[in-house]
Amino acid sequence: MGLVTLAMLWVCPACNAQLPAAQLPAGVAESVPVADPLSAPSVIVVCPSRFRAAIAPWLDYRESQGVTVRVIDSQPTAAALTDSIRQHATASDQFLILIGDTPVIGSTADPAFQVPMHYVATTVSAKFGSTPTMATDYPYADVDGDGKSDLAVGRLPVDTPPQLAAMIGRIRAYESSVDFSRWRHRIQLVGGIGGFGMLADAAIESVTRMMVTASLPAEVRTSVAYGSPGHLFYPRERFTDSVSNRYSQGCRFWVYAGHGMVDRLDQVPRGPTGMPVLDNNSLRNLKCDPATAPIAVLLCCFTGAIDASVDSFAEQMLLHECGPIAVIAGNRVTMPYGNASLTMGLIDSIYGQGFRTAAPAERLGEAWLDAITRLEIDPAEDRSQLRTMIDAIATLVSPAGTKLADERSEHAALYGLLGDPLLKLHPPSKVVVETATGFDFGQPIDVTVNSPIDGQCVVMLDHPLGEQRRAVPGQPFIDPNEITLTQQTGPVQSDQPKTFSLSLPESRTGLISIRVHIAGQRTWASGAGQTFVRPAN
């Protein structure tokens, strides 16, 4: 996966134009969503009085999908709101959404337009220099008082009704999008510098490569920008410009890991003082169609501290008109092992088989609750190879004397979901890809695609990410993220196998990854395989 995939774990060890709700852009389905009786969920909505009118279109939209919705008032304290949620909760409830920002730390919430947060003591993260307490929505998920999460909790940290109306419009645009092109199979990783020391960073990198290779499906296309001048994945253009430009290309998930502060990401070490990867100024340069906005995961410290006296970076991202459709971020100091556990749980829930369910999550809140549950459970309940690899990291960077279960459970509270937990993820159907195990040098590579849907198919032959291609004199620089050697497109039909014959355009031998993406009218599908090109005699 290349050196920079370790960025998914790196964190700071001691970091002291809006859419109306009824307006959908081009490329978005205009039909009213049809309720699915087999998966109709139930949600509790905590909505202050100031937002009751603005939330009405969202309530109508969700109810048209068959969602059971119950709206309750906010309260001045987290304890009072917890009691209210427990009084209104039923056994069928799966989701909880909080509408409104939280008051600044030390202040009492005004329930007319704010929703309070809990404050709980930090334990493990305190050894990394964290604050004594953290602000969190995590306790609201526990409706039966057993200390475990029962609901998937998300928050829309809006300050005004127009902000809420714009957010609702973006949610509808995302869910109704009929753009099933290749942005849906892309993940963008933006990495900062680890800062744990050369040996620890190298060890984390090695373990992370194994984890990501073992966890992400082969059909996922990962691209990397790493904020260290001289690194293979350090872009040739100004780093912040590169991040913005790549963001505009579209991706399903946008992941940052490195150092973080309340209102910005880490500095790129170029020049006397460097410049932030992104901050409130450079965020304005982010451009994307709301129908293809990513889900952001910020694996760093403090960016999710929405109780700060200024809007946190996660809030700024979410509320930007071209920002992510949802943001997962930490509210205080986060740690490598906890981050790894959270990330791998999300990957498994979204792309593989969740802990609670036997299939990829259909809604973001399902994946979020699944990942949180994995942080809460005893390690004996999850002794997978994935868990074993993650636990191996803890001996490198976790504080001496720390119990791994304590670090995991603390990260269940450290991270929060800013966004709608009912957001539909629209997972792909599975394409079966068939090819020979090897081909002779110069021989065309035949790939047979067995598609579950009708649509336009793209078959790509890729080299491994991180493999440096030999520069050709006189030819322009080759971006290491440009891994496709050749590709072929054509229509396919459901359950009618089709064979594509591709020839490599250069003298290429060794391992070849095969990625298949199929864009249908109302869904998409993906699959992968691999083969080997034998060298010429």
Protein backbone atom coordinates (compact mmCIF):
# COMPACT_ATOMS: atom_id res chain seq x y z
CA MET A 1 0.00 0.00 0.00
CA GLY A 2 3.02 2.30 0.07
CA LEU A 3 4.80 3.96 2.94
CA VAL A 4 2.24 6.56 3.74
CA THR A 5 -0.60 4.24 4.68
CA LEU A 6 0.87 4.44 8.14
CA ALA A 7 -0.70 7.88 8.24
CA MET A 8 -3.96 6.16 9.10
CA LEU A 9 -2.46 5.59 12.56
CA TRP A 10 -0.21 8.56 13.15
CA VAL A 11 -1.49 11.06 15.70
CA CYS A 12 -0.18 13.82 17.91
CA PRO A 13 1.34 12.34 21.08
CA ALA A 14 1.23 15.63 22.99
CA CYS A 15 -0.58 18.33 21.01
CA ASN A 16 -0.88 21.22 23.59
CA ALA A 17 -22.77 28.63 -1.31
CA GLN A 18 -25.55 26.68 0.42
CA LEU A 19 -28.25 24.36 -0.94
CA PRO A 20 -31.91 24.91 0.05
CA ALA A 21 -33.50 21.76 1.41
CA ALA A 22 -35.78 21.39 -1.59
CA GLN A 23 -33.09 22.01 -4.21
CA LEU A 24 -31.13 19.10 -5.67
CA PRO A 25 -28.26 19.61 -8.13
CA ALA A 26 -27.83 18.02 -11.55
CA GLY A 27 -27.04 14.32 -11.47
CA VAL A 28 -29.33 13.68 -8.53
CA ALA A 29 -32.38 11.45 -8.64
CA GLU A 30 -35.57 13.46 -8.26
CA SER A 31 -37.85 10.59 -7.30
CA VAL A 32 -39.15 10.37 -3.75
CA PRO A 33 -37.31 7.61 -1.85
CA VAL A 34 -39.33 4.46 -1.34
CA ALA A 35 -39.57 2.94 2.10
CA ASP A 36 -37.81 -0.37 2.60
CA PRO A 37 -39.91 -2.37 5.08
CA LEU A 38 -37.06 -4.81 5.71
CA SER A 39 -34.66 -2.15 6.96
CA ALA A 40 -36.90 0.68 8.21
CA PRO A 41 -35.04 2.11 11.23
CA SER A 42 -36.14 4.16 14.21
CA VAL A 43 -34.49 7.39 15.36
CA ILE A 44 -34.74 9.83 18.25
CA VAL A 45 -34.15 13.46 17.27
CA VAL A 46 -33.04 15.96 19.93
CA CYS A 47 -34.06 19.26 18.39
CA PRO A 48 -34.01 22.67 20.14
CA SER A 49 -37.02 24.90 19.53
CA ARG A 50 -35.11 27.30 17.23
CA PHE A 51 -34.60 24.51 14.67
CA ARG A 52 -38.07 22.94 14.67
CA ALA A 53 -39.17 24.61 11.45
CA ALA A 54 -35.87 24.01 9.66
CA ILE A 55 -35.77 20.30 10.58
CA ALA A 56 -39.25 19.64 9.14
CA PRO A 57 -38.02 18.78 5.59
CA TRP A 58 -35.57 16.24 7.05
CA LEU A 59 -38.36 14.65 9.11
CA ASP A 60 -40.59 14.38 6.03
CA TYR A 61 -37.71 12.97 3.99
CA ARG A 62 -36.84 10.28 6.53
CA GLU A 63 -40.46 9.33 7.14
CA SER A 64 -40.91 8.90 3.38
CA GLN A 65 -38.18 6.23 3.67
CA GLY A 66 -40.15 4.40 6.34
CA VAL A 67 -38.07 5.73 9.23
CA THR A 68 -39.86 6.04 12.57
CA VAL A 69 -38.99 9.47 13.98
CA ARG A 70 -39.57 10.86 17.46
CA VAL A 71 -38.54 14.45 18.26
CA ILE A 72 -37.72 15.52 21.80
CA ASP A 73 -36.57 18.82 23.30
CA SER A 74 -33.02 19.70 24.26
CA GLN A 75 -32.15 20.24 27.93
CA PRO A 76 -29.81 22.63 29.78
CA THR A 77 -27.58 19.81 31.10
CA ALA A 78 -26.27 16.54 29.72
CA ALA A 79 -27.62 14.65 32.74
CA ALA A 80 -31.13 15.95 32.14
CA LEU A 81 -30.92 15.14 28.44
CA THR A 82 -29.67 11.62 29.16
CA ASP A 83 -32.69 11.04 31.41
CA SER A 84 -35.01 12.35 28.70
CA ILE A 85 -33.49 10.14 26.02
CA ARG A 86 -33.83 7.08 28.23
CA GLN A 87 -37.45 7.92 28.99
CA HIS A 88 -38.33 8.21 25.30
CA ALA A 89 -36.19 5.34 23.97
CA THR A 90 -37.76 2.07 22.86
CA ALA A 91 -36.30 -1.31 22.07
CA SER A 92 -36.58 -0.62 18.33
CA ASP A 93 -34.48 2.56 18.37
CA GLN A 94 -31.17 2.37 16.54
CA PHE A 95 -30.17 5.97 15.97
CA LEU A 96 -29.94 9.27 17.85
CA ILE A 97 -29.31 12.60 16.13
CA LEU A 98 -28.55 15.82 18.00
CA ILE A 99 -29.46 19.05 16.20
CA GLY A 100 -27.39 22.06 17.26
CA ASP A 101 -23.98 23.08 18.55
CA THR A 102 -22.81 22.62 22.11
CA PRO A 103 -22.02 25.50 24.51
CA VAL A 104 -18.42 26.56 25.11
CA ILE A 105 -16.74 24.53 27.84
CA GLY A 106 -17.79 25.77 31.27
CA SER A 107 -21.10 27.19 30.03
CA THR A 108 -24.66 25.96 30.49
CA ALA A 109 -26.52 25.03 27.34
CA ASP A 110 -29.39 27.16 26.10
CA PRO A 111 -31.88 24.44 25.08
CA ALA A 112 -33.52 26.84 22.65
CA PHE A 113 -30.63 26.39 20.20
CA GLN A 114 -27.95 24.18 21.82
CA VAL A 115 -27.54 20.54 22.84
CA PRO A 116 -25.16 19.95 25.79
CA MET A 117 -22.28 17.47 25.86
CA HIS A 118 -21.09 15.21 28.65
CA TYR A 119 -17.71 15.75 30.27
CA VAL A 120 -15.87 12.65 31.39
CA ALA A 121 -12.41 12.16 32.84
CA THR A 122 -9.50 11.21 30.61
CA THR A 123 -7.36 8.36 31.87
CA VAL A 124 -5.06 6.77 29.30
CA SER A 125 -4.85 9.90 27.12
CA ALA A 126 -3.88 11.92 30.21
CA LYS A 127 -0.51 10.12 30.03
CA PHE A 128 -0.09 11.71 26.61
CA GLY A 129 -0.68 15.20 27.99
CA SER A 130 -4.42 15.40 27.38
CA THR A 131 -6.77 17.68 29.26
CA PRO A 132 -8.25 16.23 32.50
CA THR A 133 -11.67 15.85 30.89
CA MET A 134 -13.11 15.50 27.41
CA ALA A 135 -16.38 16.63 25.90
CA THR A 136 -18.35 13.78 24.36
CA ASP A 137 -21.77 12.66 23.12
CA TYR A 138 -20.83 9.04 23.80
CA PRO A 139 -22.88 8.53 27.03
CA TYR A 140 -26.10 9.37 25.17
CA ALA A 141 -25.74 6.07 23.28
CA ASP A 142 -26.26 4.04 26.46
CA VAL A 143 -30.01 3.89 27.06
CA ASP A 144 -30.09 0.97 29.52
CA GLY A 145 -27.28 2.09 31.83
CA ASP A 146 -24.98 -0.88 31.27
CA GLY A 147 -22.06 1.22 30.04
CA LYS A 148 -22.35 -0.03 26.45
CA SER A 149 -23.63 1.74 23.35
CA ASP A 150 -27.17 0.95 22.20
CA LEU A 151 -27.66 3.79 19.69
CA ALA A 152 -25.59 5.25 16.86
CA VAL A 153 -25.18 8.91 17.83
CA GLY A 154 -24.54 11.72 15.35
CA ARG A 155 -24.66 15.48 15.69
CA LEU A 156 -25.30 18.30 13.24
CA PRO A 157 -23.46 21.16 15.04
CA VAL A 158 -25.40 23.96 13.35
CA ASP A 159 -25.79 27.44 14.81
CA THR A 160 -28.59 28.80 12.61
CA PRO A 161 -31.66 27.47 10.77
CA PRO A 162 -30.13 28.35 7.35
CA GLN A 163 -27.10 26.20 8.18
CA LEU A 164 -29.43 23.32 9.02
CA ALA A 165 -31.44 23.81 5.82
CA ALA A 166 -28.23 23.75 3.77
CA MET A 167 -27.05 20.59 5.53
CA ILE A 168 -30.35 18.85 4.85
CA GLY A 169 -30.09 19.78 1.17
CA ARG A 170 -26.61 18.29 0.99
CA ILE A 171 -27.73 15.08 2.72
CA ARG A 172 -30.54 14.64 0.20
CA ALA A 173 -28.20 15.39 -2.70
CA TYR A 174 -25.72 12.77 -1.49
CA GLU A 175 -28.27 10.04 -0.89
CA SER A 176 -30.15 10.71 -4.12
CA SER A 177 -27.06 10.88 -6.33
CA VAL A 178 -27.14 8.73 -9.46
CA ASP A 179 -23.45 9.39 -10.15
CA PHE A 180 -22.00 5.90 -9.76
CA SER A 181 -18.68 6.69 -11.42
CA ARG A 182 -15.26 5.85 -10.03
CA TRP A 183 -15.25 8.39 -7.21
CA ARG A 184 -17.15 5.77 -5.22
CA HIS A 185 -14.23 3.32 -5.15
CA ARG A 186 -11.59 5.88 -4.14
CA ILE A 187 -10.06 6.67 -0.75
CA GLN A 188 -7.76 9.64 -0.31
CA LEU A 189 -5.17 9.52 2.47
CA VAL A 190 -3.48 12.71 3.65
CA GLY A 191 -0.63 12.07 6.06
CA GLY A 192 1.31 14.25 8.47
CA ILE A 193 4.53 13.36 10.25
CA GLY A 194 4.33 10.74 12.98
CA GLY A 195 6.72 12.20 15.53
CA PHE A 196 7.17 9.07 17.66
CA GLY A 197 10.81 8.60 16.67
CA MET A 198 12.42 6.87 13.71
CA LEU A 199 12.20 3.29 15.03
CA ALA A 200 8.62 3.59 16.28
CA ASP A 201 7.45 5.31 13.08
CA ALA A 202 9.08 2.63 10.91
CA ALA A 203 7.49 -0.15 12.96
CA ILE A 204 4.05 1.47 12.79
CA GLU A 205 4.49 1.82 9.04
CA SER A 206 5.30 -1.85 8.61
CA VAL A 207 2.36 -3.09 10.67
CA THR A 208 -0.01 -0.61 9.04
CA ARG A 209 0.88 -1.76 5.55
CA MET A 210 -0.06 -5.30 6.58
CA MET A 211 -3.31 -4.18 8.20
CA VAL A 212 -4.49 -2.01 5.34
CA THR A 213 -3.55 -4.64 2.77
CA ALA A 214 -5.47 -7.25 4.74
CA SER A 215 -8.48 -5.03 5.47
CA LEU A 216 -9.33 -2.87 2.48
CA PRO A 217 -10.81 -4.79 -0.43
CA ALA A 218 -8.47 -5.02 -3.40
CA GLU A 219 -10.94 -3.11 -5.58
CA VAL A 220 -10.57 0.06 -3.46
CA ARG A 221 -8.35 2.62 -5.16
CA THR A 222 -6.17 4.44 -2.61
CA SER A 223 -4.22 7.62 -3.31
CA VAL A 224 -1.78 9.29 -0.96
CA ALA A 225 -0.39 12.73 -0.16
CA TYR A 226 2.28 12.77 2.52
CA GLY A 227 3.39 16.01 4.14
CA SER A 228 7.12 15.36 4.30
CA PRO A 229 9.30 16.98 1.62
CA GLY A 230 11.42 14.41 -0.19
CA HIS A 231 8.98 11.55 0.40
CA LEU A 232 7.77 9.53 -2.60
CA PHE A 233 4.20 10.76 -2.01
CA TYR A 234 5.07 14.39 -1.37
CA PRO A 235 3.46 16.20 -4.33
CA ARG A 236 5.38 18.36 -6.76
CA GLU A 237 2.96 21.29 -6.35
CA ARG A 238 2.37 23.19 -3.12
CA PHE A 239 1.08 20.65 -0.61
CA THR A 240 -2.12 22.48 0.36
CA ASP A 241 -2.94 23.09 -3.31
CA SER A 242 -2.41 19.39 -4.01
CA VAL A 243 -4.75 18.39 -1.20
CA SER A 244 -7.45 20.75 -2.50
CA ASN A 245 -7.03 19.66 -6.11
CA ARG A 246 -7.22 15.95 -5.26
CA TYR A 247 -10.26 16.56 -3.06
CA SER A 248 -12.09 18.05 -6.04
CA GLN A 249 -11.56 14.80 -7.99
CA GLY A 250 -13.99 13.05 -5.62
CA CYS A 251 -13.63 10.11 -3.27
CA ARG A 252 -15.82 8.03 -1.01
CA PHE A 253 -13.64 8.59 2.06
CA TRP A 254 -11.12 11.33 2.84
CA VAL A 255 -8.74 10.34 5.66
CA TYR A 256 -6.24 12.58 7.41
CA ALA A 257 -3.79 11.41 10.05
CA GLY A 258 -1.03 13.34 11.71
CA HIS A 259 -0.94 16.21 14.17
CA GLY A 260 -4.07 18.25 14.67
CA MET A 261 -5.23 21.37 16.50
CA VAL A 262 -8.68 22.69 17.35
CA ASP A 263 -9.04 24.81 14.23
CA ARG A 264 -6.53 23.36 11.74
CA LEU A 265 -4.45 20.43 10.62
CA ASP A 266 -0.70 20.08 11.03
CA GLN A 267 1.96 22.32 9.53
CA VAL A 268 3.81 21.09 6.45
CA PRO A 269 7.51 21.63 7.23
CA ARG A 270 8.40 23.90 4.33
CA GLY A 271 9.80 27.38 4.89
CA PRO A 272 10.62 29.10 8.22
CA THR A 273 7.34 28.22 9.93
CA GLY A 274 5.53 25.96 7.49
CA MET A 275 1.86 26.18 6.61
CA PRO A 276 -1.18 24.14 7.69
CA VAL A 277 -2.30 21.21 5.54
CA LEU A 278 -5.74 22.81 5.83
CA ASP A 279 -7.17 25.58 7.99
CA ASN A 280 -10.15 27.94 7.92
CA ASN A 281 -8.64 29.87 5.00
CA SER A 282 -7.58 26.97 2.78
CA LEU A 283 -10.88 25.15 3.47
CA ARG A 284 -12.50 27.73 1.21
CA ASN A 285 -10.61 26.22 -1.72
CA LEU A 286 -12.30 22.82 -1.36
CA LYS A 287 -14.63 22.20 -4.28
CA CYS A 288 -16.91 19.27 -4.99
CA ASP A 289 -20.42 18.43 -6.10
CA PRO A 290 -22.54 17.85 -2.94
CA ALA A 291 -23.77 14.66 -4.60
CA THR A 292 -20.24 13.24 -4.52
CA ALA A 293 -18.95 14.62 -1.22
CA PRO A 294 -16.70 12.34 0.83
CA ILE A 295 -17.00 11.13 4.39
CA ALA A 296 -13.99 12.51 6.31
CA VAL A 297 -12.11 10.66 9.05
CA LEU A 298 -9.67 12.83 11.01
CA LEU A 299 -7.26 10.64 12.96
CA CYS A 300 -5.61 13.33 15.03
CA CYS A 301 -5.98 15.36 18.19
CA PHE A 302 -8.51 18.09 19.02
CA THR A 303 -10.07 18.68 15.57
CA GLY A 304 -13.44 17.44 16.89
CA ALA A 305 -13.45 19.69 20.01
CA ILE A 306 -16.77 21.35 19.26
CA ASP A 307 -16.92 22.79 22.78
CA ALA A 308 -14.01 25.13 22.05
CA SER A 309 -14.45 28.90 21.96
CA VAL A 310 -13.96 28.82 18.16
CA ASP A 311 -15.52 26.47 15.63
CA SER A 312 -13.48 23.28 15.52
CA PHE A 313 -11.87 22.18 12.28
CA ALA A 314 -14.33 19.27 12.00
CA GLU A 315 -17.26 21.71 12.28
CA GLN A 316 -15.73 23.99 9.67
CA MET A 317 -15.31 21.07 7.28
CA LEU A 318 -18.82 19.74 7.77
CA LEU A 319 -20.57 23.09 7.39
CA HIS A 320 -18.57 24.22 4.37
CA GLU A 321 -20.80 24.14 1.29
CA CYS A 322 -18.31 21.84 -0.48
CA GLY A 323 -17.18 20.03 2.63
CA PRO A 324 -17.55 16.35 3.56
CA ILE A 325 -21.05 15.01 4.08
CA ALA A 326 -19.98 13.70 7.51
CA VAL A 327 -16.86 14.00 9.69
CA ILE A 328 -15.51 11.58 12.30
CA ALA A 329 -13.02 13.34 14.57
CA GLY A 330 -11.37 13.20 17.99
CA ASN A 331 -12.16 15.85 20.59
CA ARG A 332 -8.98 15.71 22.69
CA VAL A 333 -5.60 13.91 22.47
CA THR A 334 -5.92 10.66 20.53
CA MET A 335 -3.47 7.74 20.48
CA PRO A 336 -2.13 5.34 17.85
CA TYR A 337 -3.54 2.08 19.20
CA GLY A 338 -7.01 3.50 19.78
CA ASN A 339 -6.95 5.10 16.34
CA ALA A 340 -5.93 1.83 14.73
CA SER A 341 -8.71 -0.06 16.47
CA LEU A 342 -11.33 2.50 15.45
CA THR A 343 -10.12 2.68 11.85
CA MET A 344 -9.98 -1.05 11.30
CA GLY A 345 -13.44 -1.45 12.84
CA LEU A 346 -14.83 1.14 10.42
CA ILE A 347 -13.13 -0.53 7.46
CA ASP A 348 -14.52 -3.91 8.38
CA SER A 349 -18.05 -2.55 8.93
CA ILE A 350 -18.13 -0.53 5.72
CA TYR A 351 -16.30 -2.87 3.36
CA GLY A 352 -16.56 -6.29 4.89
CA GLN A 353 -18.53 -8.08 7.56
CA GLY A 354 -19.48 -6.01 10.56
CA PHE A 355 -19.34 -7.19 14.16
CA ARG A 356 -23.10 -6.77 14.58
CA THR A 357 -24.12 -7.56 11.01
CA ALA A 358 -23.09 -10.12 8.40
CA ALA A 359 -22.87 -7.64 5.52
CA PRO A 360 -21.44 -4.17 4.81
CA ALA A 361 -23.30 -1.40 6.61
CA GLU A 362 -26.14 0.26 4.71
CA ARG A 363 -26.09 3.45 6.80
CA LEU A 364 -23.22 5.41 8.31
CA GLY A 365 -24.61 5.08 11.83
CA GLU A 366 -24.60 1.29 11.52
CA ALA A 367 -20.89 1.32 10.70
CA TRP A 368 -20.21 3.86 13.44
CA LEU A 369 -22.03 1.86 16.12
CA ASP A 370 -20.30 -1.30 14.93
CA ALA A 371 -16.87 0.33 15.23
CA ILE A 372 -17.70 1.68 18.70
CA THR A 373 -18.92 -1.75 19.81
CA ARG A 374 -15.58 -3.25 18.78
CA LEU A 375 -13.84 -0.72 21.02
CA GLU A 376 -16.08 -1.65 23.96
CA ILE A 377 -15.88 -5.43 23.87
CA ASP A 378 -13.42 -7.65 25.68
CA PRO A 379 -10.49 -8.71 23.47
CA ALA A 380 -11.42 -12.35 24.03
CA GLU A 381 -14.56 -11.74 21.98
CA ASP A 382 -12.57 -10.58 18.96
CA ARG A 383 -9.43 -12.64 18.41
CA SER A 384 -9.27 -12.19 14.66
CA GLN A 385 -6.00 -11.85 12.78
CA LEU A 386 -6.86 -8.19 12.38
CA ARG A 387 -7.13 -7.71 16.15
CA THR A 388 -3.83 -9.53 16.67
CA MET A 389 -2.03 -7.20 14.25
CA ILE A 390 -3.55 -4.10 15.82
CA ASP A 391 -2.60 -5.23 19.32
CA ALA A 392 0.99 -5.65 18.14
CA ILE A 393 1.20 -1.87 17.65
CA ALA A 394 0.31 -1.13 21.26
CA THR A 395 3.64 -2.39 22.58
CA LEU A 396 5.38 0.26 20.46
CA VAL A 397 3.55 3.45 21.32
CA SER A 398 1.07 2.99 24.17
CA PRO A 399 2.05 4.38 27.61
CA ALA A 400 3.72 1.91 29.95
CA GLY A 401 1.25 0.14 32.19
CA THR A 402 -1.73 0.93 29.99
CA LYS A 403 -4.42 -1.71 29.57
CA LEU A 404 -5.35 -2.09 25.93
CA ALA A 405 -9.05 -2.38 26.79
CA ASP A 406 -8.88 0.96 28.63
CA GLU A 407 -7.30 2.69 25.64
CA ARG A 408 -9.89 1.27 23.27
CA SER A 409 -12.85 2.20 25.47
CA GLU A 410 -11.53 5.72 25.98
CA HIS A 411 -11.40 6.19 22.21
CA ALA A 412 -15.07 5.24 22.01
CA ALA A 413 -15.66 8.52 23.87
CA LEU A 414 -12.82 10.50 22.29
CA TYR A 415 -14.27 10.23 18.79
CA GLY A 416 -17.58 11.59 17.63
CA LEU A 417 -19.68 11.51 14.47
CA LEU A 418 -20.60 14.92 13.09
CA GLY A 419 -23.27 14.16 10.54
CA ASP A 420 -26.50 12.28 10.03
CA PRO A 421 -26.21 8.71 11.37
CA LEU A 422 -29.03 7.70 9.00
CA LEU A 423 -26.90 8.65 5.98
CA LYS A 424 -27.17 5.94 3.32
CA LEU A 425 -23.80 4.54 2.27
CA HIS A 426 -25.01 2.69 -0.82
CA PRO A 427 -22.47 -0.17 -0.72
CA PRO A 428 -21.57 -1.78 -4.06
CA SER A 429 -22.63 -5.16 -5.32
CA LYS A 430 -19.86 -7.72 -5.77
CA VAL A 431 -18.33 -8.39 -9.17
CA VAL A 432 -16.73 -11.80 -9.73
CA VAL A 433 -13.47 -11.37 -11.65
CA GLU A 434 -11.85 -14.35 -13.38
CA THR A 435 -8.42 -14.50 -14.96
CA ALA A 436 -5.46 -16.85 -15.32
CA THR A 437 -2.90 -16.96 -12.54
CA GLY A 438 -0.18 -15.90 -14.96
CA PHE A 439 0.54 -14.72 -18.49
CA ASP A 440 3.66 -14.81 -20.63
CA PHE A 441 5.48 -11.57 -21.37
CA GLY A 442 3.79 -9.71 -24.22
CA GLN A 443 0.65 -11.87 -24.11
CA PRO A 444 -2.73 -10.08 -23.80
CA ILE A 445 -4.34 -10.40 -20.37
CA ASP A 446 -7.87 -11.80 -20.54
CA VAL A 447 -10.23 -10.77 -17.74
CA THR A 448 -13.76 -12.21 -17.48
CA VAL A 449 -16.27 -10.04 -15.64
CA ASN A 450 -19.37 -11.54 -14.04
CA SER A 451 -21.54 -8.55 -13.18
CA PRO A 452 -24.61 -8.54 -10.90
CA ILE A 453 -25.94 -5.39 -12.64
CA ASP A 454 -26.27 -3.82 -16.07
CA GLY A 455 -23.91 -0.91 -16.60
CA GLN A 456 -20.74 0.58 -18.02
CA CYS A 457 -17.69 -1.42 -16.98
CA VAL A 458 -14.09 -0.26 -16.57
CA VAL A 459 -11.36 -2.90 -16.23
CA MET A 460 -8.03 -1.54 -14.97
CA LEU A 461 -4.63 -3.22 -14.83
CA ASP A 462 -2.66 -1.57 -12.03
CA HIS A 463 0.78 -1.87 -10.51
CA PRO A 464 1.06 -1.86 -6.69
CA LEU A 465 0.76 1.53 -5.01
CA GLY A 466 4.17 2.71 -3.89
CA GLU A 467 6.06 0.92 -6.64
CA GLN A 468 8.25 3.45 -8.43
CA ARG A 469 8.04 3.27 -12.19
CA ARG A 470 11.22 3.94 -14.09
CA ALA A 471 11.38 7.49 -15.39
CA VAL A 472 11.68 7.84 -19.14
CA PRO A 473 14.09 10.58 -20.30
CA GLY A 474 12.16 13.49 -21.76
CA GLN A 475 8.86 12.30 -20.32
CA PRO A 476 6.96 14.23 -17.62
CA PHE A 477 6.98 13.26 -13.95
CA ILE A 478 4.79 10.26 -13.16
CA ASP A 479 2.61 10.75 -10.09
CA PRO A 480 3.12 7.64 -7.89
CA ASN A 481 -0.66 7.60 -7.35
CA GLU A 482 -1.18 7.03 -11.09
CA ILE A 483 -0.95 3.27 -10.93
CA THR A 484 -3.11 2.22 -13.89
CA LEU A 485 -1.02 0.74 -16.69
CA THR A 486 -3.92 0.26 -19.08
CA GLN A 487 -7.69 0.06 -18.98
CA GLN A 488 -10.64 -0.92 -21.13
CA THR A 489 -14.30 0.08 -20.96
CA GLY A 490 -17.47 -1.45 -22.29
CA PRO A 491 -21.07 -2.29 -21.40
CA VAL A 492 -21.91 -5.39 -19.38
CA GLN A 493 -25.17 -7.11 -18.54
CA SER A 494 -26.30 -8.82 -15.40
CA ASP A 495 -25.38 -12.52 -15.20
CA GLN A 496 -23.85 -12.49 -18.70
CA PRO A 497 -20.06 -12.97 -18.36
CA LYS A 498 -17.97 -10.76 -20.62
CA THR A 499 -14.25 -11.14 -21.37
CA PHE A 500 -11.98 -8.12 -21.84
CA SER A 501 -8.57 -8.57 -23.47
CA LEU A 502 -5.97 -5.99 -22.44
CA SER A 503 -2.39 -5.47 -23.58
CA LEU A 504 0.16 -3.77 -21.37
CA PRO A 505 1.60 -0.69 -23.06
CA GLU A 506 5.11 -1.13 -21.66
CA SER A 507 7.65 -3.84 -20.90
CA ARG A 508 6.02 -4.85 -17.68
CA THR A 509 6.44 -8.06 -15.68
CA GLY A 510 5.53 -9.13 -12.15
CA LEU A 511 2.35 -8.72 -10.10
CA ILE A 512 -0.61 -7.00 -11.75
CA SER A 513 -3.70 -5.90 -9.83
CA ILE A 514 -7.03 -6.04 -11.66
CA ARG A 515 -9.74 -3.60 -10.59
CA VAL A 516 -13.25 -3.57 -12.01
CA HIS A 517 -15.80 -0.79 -11.57
CA ILE A 518 -19.33 -0.92 -13.00
CA ALA A 519 -21.59 2.13 -13.02
CA GLY A 520 -25.27 1.32 -13.35
CA GLN A 521 -28.27 3.61 -13.57
CA ARG A 522 -29.24 3.27 -9.90
CA THR A 523 -26.40 1.34 -8.30
CA TRP A 524 -22.80 0.28 -8.76
CA ALA A 525 -20.62 -2.79 -8.44
CA SER A 526 -16.92 -3.49 -8.00
CA GLY A 527 -14.51 -6.37 -7.87
CA ALA A 528 -10.84 -7.24 -8.13
CA GLY A 529 -8.36 -9.92 -8.95
CA GLN A 530 -4.68 -10.29 -9.68
CA THR A 531 -2.35 -12.06 -12.04
CA PHE A 532 1.36 -12.33 -12.78
CA VAL A 533 3.24 -11.50 -15.94
CA ARG A 534 6.13 -13.90 -16.40
CA PRO A 535 9.41 -12.37 -17.62
CA ALA A 536 10.64 -13.04 -21.15
CA ASN A 537 13.19 -15.82 -21.51
